Amino acid sequence: MPNFDAFCLACPRLASHLNRIRDQYPSYYARPVPPFGDREARLLIVGLAPGMHGANRSGRPFTGDYAGILLYQTLHKFGFANKPESVAVNDGLQLINCRITNAVKCLPPGNKPVAKEINTCNAYLQTELQELAPGSVILALGGIAHKSVVKALGLKQSDYTFGHNHYHGLQNDLHFMDSYHCSRYNTQTKRLTKTMFEDVFQKVQTLLTETREY
């Protein structure tokens, strides 16, 4: 399976969109956004796609946008990050036993990737999942991320239904968890509260603690 390619042009619509963004915002990263964090991490968090003025600007997942506020505060609280906020790639933030990626590595128009783009980018996610050590936890943020993980693992979608704070045991010694996405909409409408999000990470932390070392 392919490794992440910062110069990937496999999706013409996304490549054209990023070209326009670079013209409009010359200081923006505006390329496929790489995963961030410890390559040996036993927690892999999978988001949807870079945000226009967040990861697409900064070049790091959930960095500089609203969705990253709750995520990094929570990661810090549970010992997965050395700082509670992520504002720029040079801010000194480090993840601890944690890695963050996206189901779609490029900013899609209107923040909505089409099915073909999700499927094309899934090859990179497959590689990332194959690199996980036994006993690792995969945390999908939102329904699209959930479905992308299921596809990348070669599983049947009908056997794995998305639900907030749902746990899915996998046969390959991996743990699979779901959460609502920590987007501005979800947090401001209280579909996802701080307590709800922390409950997910409490379960994640328990899984990592209780899983025997391989």
Protein backbone atom coordinates (compact mmCIF):
# COMPACT_ATOMS: atom_id res chain seq x y z
CA MET A 1 0.00 0.00 0.00
CA PRO A 2 1.23 3.57 -0.70
CA ASN A 3 2.76 5.84 1.91
CA PHE A 4 1.57 9.41 2.32
CA ASP A 5 2.50 11.64 -0.63
CA ALA A 6 2.63 15.39 0.02
CA PHE A 7 2.47 15.99 -3.74
CA CYS A 8 -0.39 13.60 -4.53
CA LEU A 9 -2.51 14.68 -7.52
CA ALA A 10 -4.73 11.59 -7.68
CA CYS A 11 -7.96 13.58 -7.30
CA PRO A 12 -8.19 16.24 -10.06
CA ARG A 13 -10.97 18.22 -8.37
CA LEU A 14 -9.03 18.49 -5.13
CA ALA A 15 -5.74 19.30 -6.87
CA SER A 16 -7.40 22.11 -8.84
CA HIS A 17 -9.05 23.42 -5.71
CA LEU A 18 -5.74 23.56 -3.86
CA ASN A 19 -4.12 25.35 -6.79
CA ARG A 20 -6.77 28.05 -6.52
CA ILE A 21 -6.31 28.26 -2.77
CA ARG A 22 -2.54 28.74 -3.13
CA ASP A 23 -3.16 31.56 -5.59
CA GLN A 24 -5.67 33.20 -3.26
CA TYR A 25 -3.69 32.58 -0.05
CA PRO A 26 0.04 32.37 -0.94
CA SER A 27 1.02 31.82 2.70
CA TYR A 28 -1.22 28.77 3.14
CA TYR A 29 0.16 25.22 3.12
CA ALA A 30 -2.62 24.14 0.69
CA ARG A 31 -1.33 20.65 -0.11
CA PRO A 32 -2.14 17.16 1.16
CA VAL A 33 -1.78 17.37 4.95
CA PRO A 34 0.45 14.69 6.49
CA PRO A 35 -0.37 12.73 9.64
CA PHE A 36 0.94 14.27 12.85
CA GLY A 37 2.38 12.58 15.92
CA ASP A 38 4.29 9.55 17.12
CA ARG A 39 4.82 6.96 14.38
CA GLU A 40 4.88 4.25 17.06
CA ALA A 41 1.70 5.52 18.73
CA ARG A 42 -0.94 3.09 19.92
CA LEU A 43 -3.73 5.66 19.49
CA LEU A 44 -4.60 6.74 15.94
CA ILE A 45 -7.24 9.46 15.62
CA VAL A 46 -8.91 9.72 12.21
CA GLY A 47 -10.66 12.95 11.23
CA LEU A 48 -12.50 13.83 8.03
CA ALA A 49 -10.39 16.32 6.05
CA PRO A 50 -8.31 19.48 6.57
CA GLY A 51 -10.23 22.66 7.40
CA MET A 52 -9.85 25.65 5.11
CA HIS A 53 -8.28 28.00 7.64
CA GLY A 54 -7.00 25.28 9.96
CA ALA A 55 -4.94 22.33 8.72
CA ASN A 56 -5.07 23.58 5.13
CA ARG A 57 -3.45 26.81 6.29
CA SER A 58 -1.04 25.41 8.86
CA GLY A 59 -0.13 22.04 7.36
CA ARG A 60 -0.96 20.07 10.53
CA PRO A 61 -4.22 18.26 11.38
CA PHE A 62 -6.69 20.23 13.52
CA THR A 63 -4.19 23.07 13.92
CA GLY A 64 -5.42 26.65 13.90
CA ASP A 65 -9.12 25.93 13.57
CA TYR A 66 -12.09 25.66 15.91
CA ALA A 67 -12.32 21.86 15.74
CA GLY A 68 -8.85 21.59 17.20
CA ILE A 69 -9.67 23.50 20.37
CA LEU A 70 -11.57 20.73 22.15
CA LEU A 71 -9.44 17.99 20.61
CA TYR A 72 -6.09 19.25 21.83
CA GLN A 73 -7.45 20.33 25.23
CA THR A 74 -8.70 16.77 25.70
CA LEU A 75 -5.50 15.17 24.42
CA HIS A 76 -3.51 17.23 26.91
CA LYS A 77 -5.84 16.38 29.78
CA PHE A 78 -5.45 12.64 29.15
CA GLY A 79 -1.69 12.77 28.67
CA PHE A 80 -1.58 12.43 24.89
CA ALA A 81 -0.13 15.91 24.26
CA ASN A 82 2.40 18.14 26.00
CA LYS A 83 0.30 21.28 25.43
CA PRO A 84 -3.45 22.01 25.45
CA GLU A 85 -3.57 23.95 22.18
CA SER A 86 -2.31 23.71 18.62
CA VAL A 87 -1.82 26.96 16.75
CA ALA A 88 1.09 26.44 14.31
CA VAL A 89 3.49 23.74 13.17
CA ASN A 90 6.34 25.44 15.05
CA ASP A 91 4.53 25.87 18.38
CA GLY A 92 6.41 23.06 20.14
CA LEU A 93 3.39 20.80 20.46
CA GLN A 94 4.19 17.11 20.72
CA LEU A 95 1.84 14.16 20.83
CA ILE A 96 2.50 11.30 23.23
CA ASN A 97 1.55 7.78 22.13
CA CYS A 98 -0.90 9.43 19.74
CA ARG A 99 -1.07 10.15 16.02
CA ILE A 100 -3.67 12.16 14.09
CA THR A 101 -4.60 11.73 10.44
CA ASN A 102 -7.53 12.42 8.12
CA ALA A 103 -9.63 10.14 5.94
CA VAL A 104 -9.11 12.67 3.13
CA LYS A 105 -5.75 14.41 3.15
CA CYS A 106 -6.71 17.42 0.97
CA LEU A 107 -9.12 20.28 1.61
CA PRO A 108 -12.32 19.55 -0.35
CA PRO A 109 -14.53 22.32 -1.76
CA GLY A 110 -17.20 23.20 0.76
CA ASN A 111 -15.56 20.79 3.22
CA LYS A 112 -17.37 17.96 1.44
CA PRO A 113 -15.31 15.31 -0.34
CA VAL A 114 -17.11 13.15 -2.88
CA ALA A 115 -17.18 9.37 -2.64
CA LYS A 116 -14.51 8.85 -5.31
CA GLU A 117 -12.09 11.12 -3.43
CA ILE A 118 -12.75 9.36 -0.13
CA ASN A 119 -12.15 5.99 -1.79
CA THR A 120 -8.97 7.13 -3.56
CA CYS A 121 -7.45 8.49 -0.37
CA ASN A 122 -8.39 5.35 1.51
CA ALA A 123 -5.22 3.66 0.25
CA TYR A 124 -3.14 5.94 2.47
CA LEU A 125 -5.32 5.17 5.47
CA GLN A 126 -4.90 1.45 4.81
CA THR A 127 -1.14 1.87 5.10
CA GLU A 128 -1.47 3.81 8.35
CA LEU A 129 -3.71 1.16 9.87
CA GLN A 130 -1.41 -1.66 8.81
CA GLU A 131 1.44 0.03 10.67
CA LEU A 132 -0.42 -0.02 14.00
CA ALA A 133 0.90 -2.34 16.68
CA PRO A 134 -1.42 -5.02 18.12
CA GLY A 135 -3.50 -3.59 20.95
CA SER A 136 -3.72 -0.13 19.39
CA VAL A 137 -6.88 1.99 19.42
CA ILE A 138 -8.38 3.64 16.36
CA LEU A 139 -10.66 6.59 17.14
CA ALA A 140 -12.86 7.80 14.27
CA LEU A 141 -14.24 11.33 14.53
CA GLY A 142 -17.53 11.37 12.66
CA GLY A 143 -19.38 9.09 10.28
CA ILE A 144 -17.19 9.53 7.20
CA ALA A 145 -14.03 8.81 9.18
CA HIS A 146 -15.77 5.76 10.65
CA LYS A 147 -16.74 4.40 7.23
CA SER A 148 -13.24 5.11 5.91
CA VAL A 149 -11.70 3.05 8.70
CA VAL A 150 -14.11 0.18 8.08
CA LYS A 151 -13.26 0.23 4.36
CA ALA A 152 -9.52 0.48 5.01
CA LEU A 153 -9.70 -2.59 7.25
CA GLY A 154 -11.55 -4.53 4.56
CA LEU A 155 -14.65 -4.99 6.71
CA LYS A 156 -18.36 -4.90 5.88
CA GLN A 157 -20.01 -1.54 6.57
CA SER A 158 -23.21 -3.26 7.70
CA ASP A 159 -21.34 -5.01 10.52
CA TYR A 160 -20.00 -1.76 12.01
CA THR A 161 -22.56 0.96 12.69
CA PHE A 162 -21.35 4.41 13.70
CA GLY A 163 -22.41 5.71 17.09
CA HIS A 164 -20.94 8.16 19.55
CA ASN A 165 -18.78 6.43 22.17
CA HIS A 166 -19.41 3.08 20.49
CA TYR A 167 -16.75 0.40 20.79
CA HIS A 168 -16.05 -2.12 18.05
CA GLY A 169 -13.80 -5.07 18.78
CA LEU A 170 -11.70 -6.20 15.84
CA GLN A 171 -10.32 -9.64 15.11
CA ASN A 172 -6.80 -8.34 14.40
CA ASP A 173 -6.04 -7.28 17.98
CA LEU A 174 -7.07 -3.67 17.37
CA HIS A 175 -9.73 -1.61 19.14
CA PHE A 176 -12.07 0.68 17.22
CA MET A 177 -13.92 3.60 18.84
CA ASP A 178 -16.30 6.24 17.46
CA SER A 179 -17.01 9.81 18.49
CA TYR A 180 -18.99 12.66 17.06
CA HIS A 181 -16.64 15.03 15.27
CA CYS A 182 -15.42 17.94 17.41
CA SER A 183 -16.57 20.47 14.83
CA ARG A 184 -17.84 23.95 15.62
CA TYR A 185 -21.37 22.91 14.69
CA ASN A 186 -21.39 19.84 16.93
CA THR A 187 -19.91 21.59 19.95
CA GLN A 188 -21.97 24.77 19.67
CA THR A 189 -25.23 22.85 19.26
CA LYS A 190 -24.23 20.60 22.19
CA ARG A 191 -24.49 17.52 20.06
CA LEU A 192 -20.99 16.94 21.41
CA THR A 193 -20.17 18.32 24.85
CA LYS A 194 -16.84 18.43 26.63
CA THR A 195 -18.03 15.73 29.01
CA MET A 196 -19.17 13.48 26.15
CA PHE A 197 -15.81 13.85 24.42
CA GLU A 198 -13.88 13.18 27.60
CA ASP A 199 -15.94 10.06 28.21
CA VAL A 200 -14.66 8.72 24.88
CA PHE A 201 -11.05 9.40 25.83
CA GLN A 202 -11.56 7.86 29.23
CA LYS A 203 -12.58 4.66 27.46
CA VAL A 204 -9.66 4.96 25.05
CA GLN A 205 -7.24 5.39 27.93
CA THR A 206 -8.72 2.37 29.70
CA LEU A 207 -8.34 0.24 26.57
CA LEU A 208 -4.71 1.23 26.20
CA THR A 209 -4.02 0.58 29.88
CA GLU A 210 -5.75 -2.77 30.02
CA THR A 211 -4.41 -4.13 26.75
CA ARG A 212 -1.45 -6.36 27.41
CA GLU A 213 1.90 -5.41 25.92
CA TYR A 214 2.75 -7.30 22.75
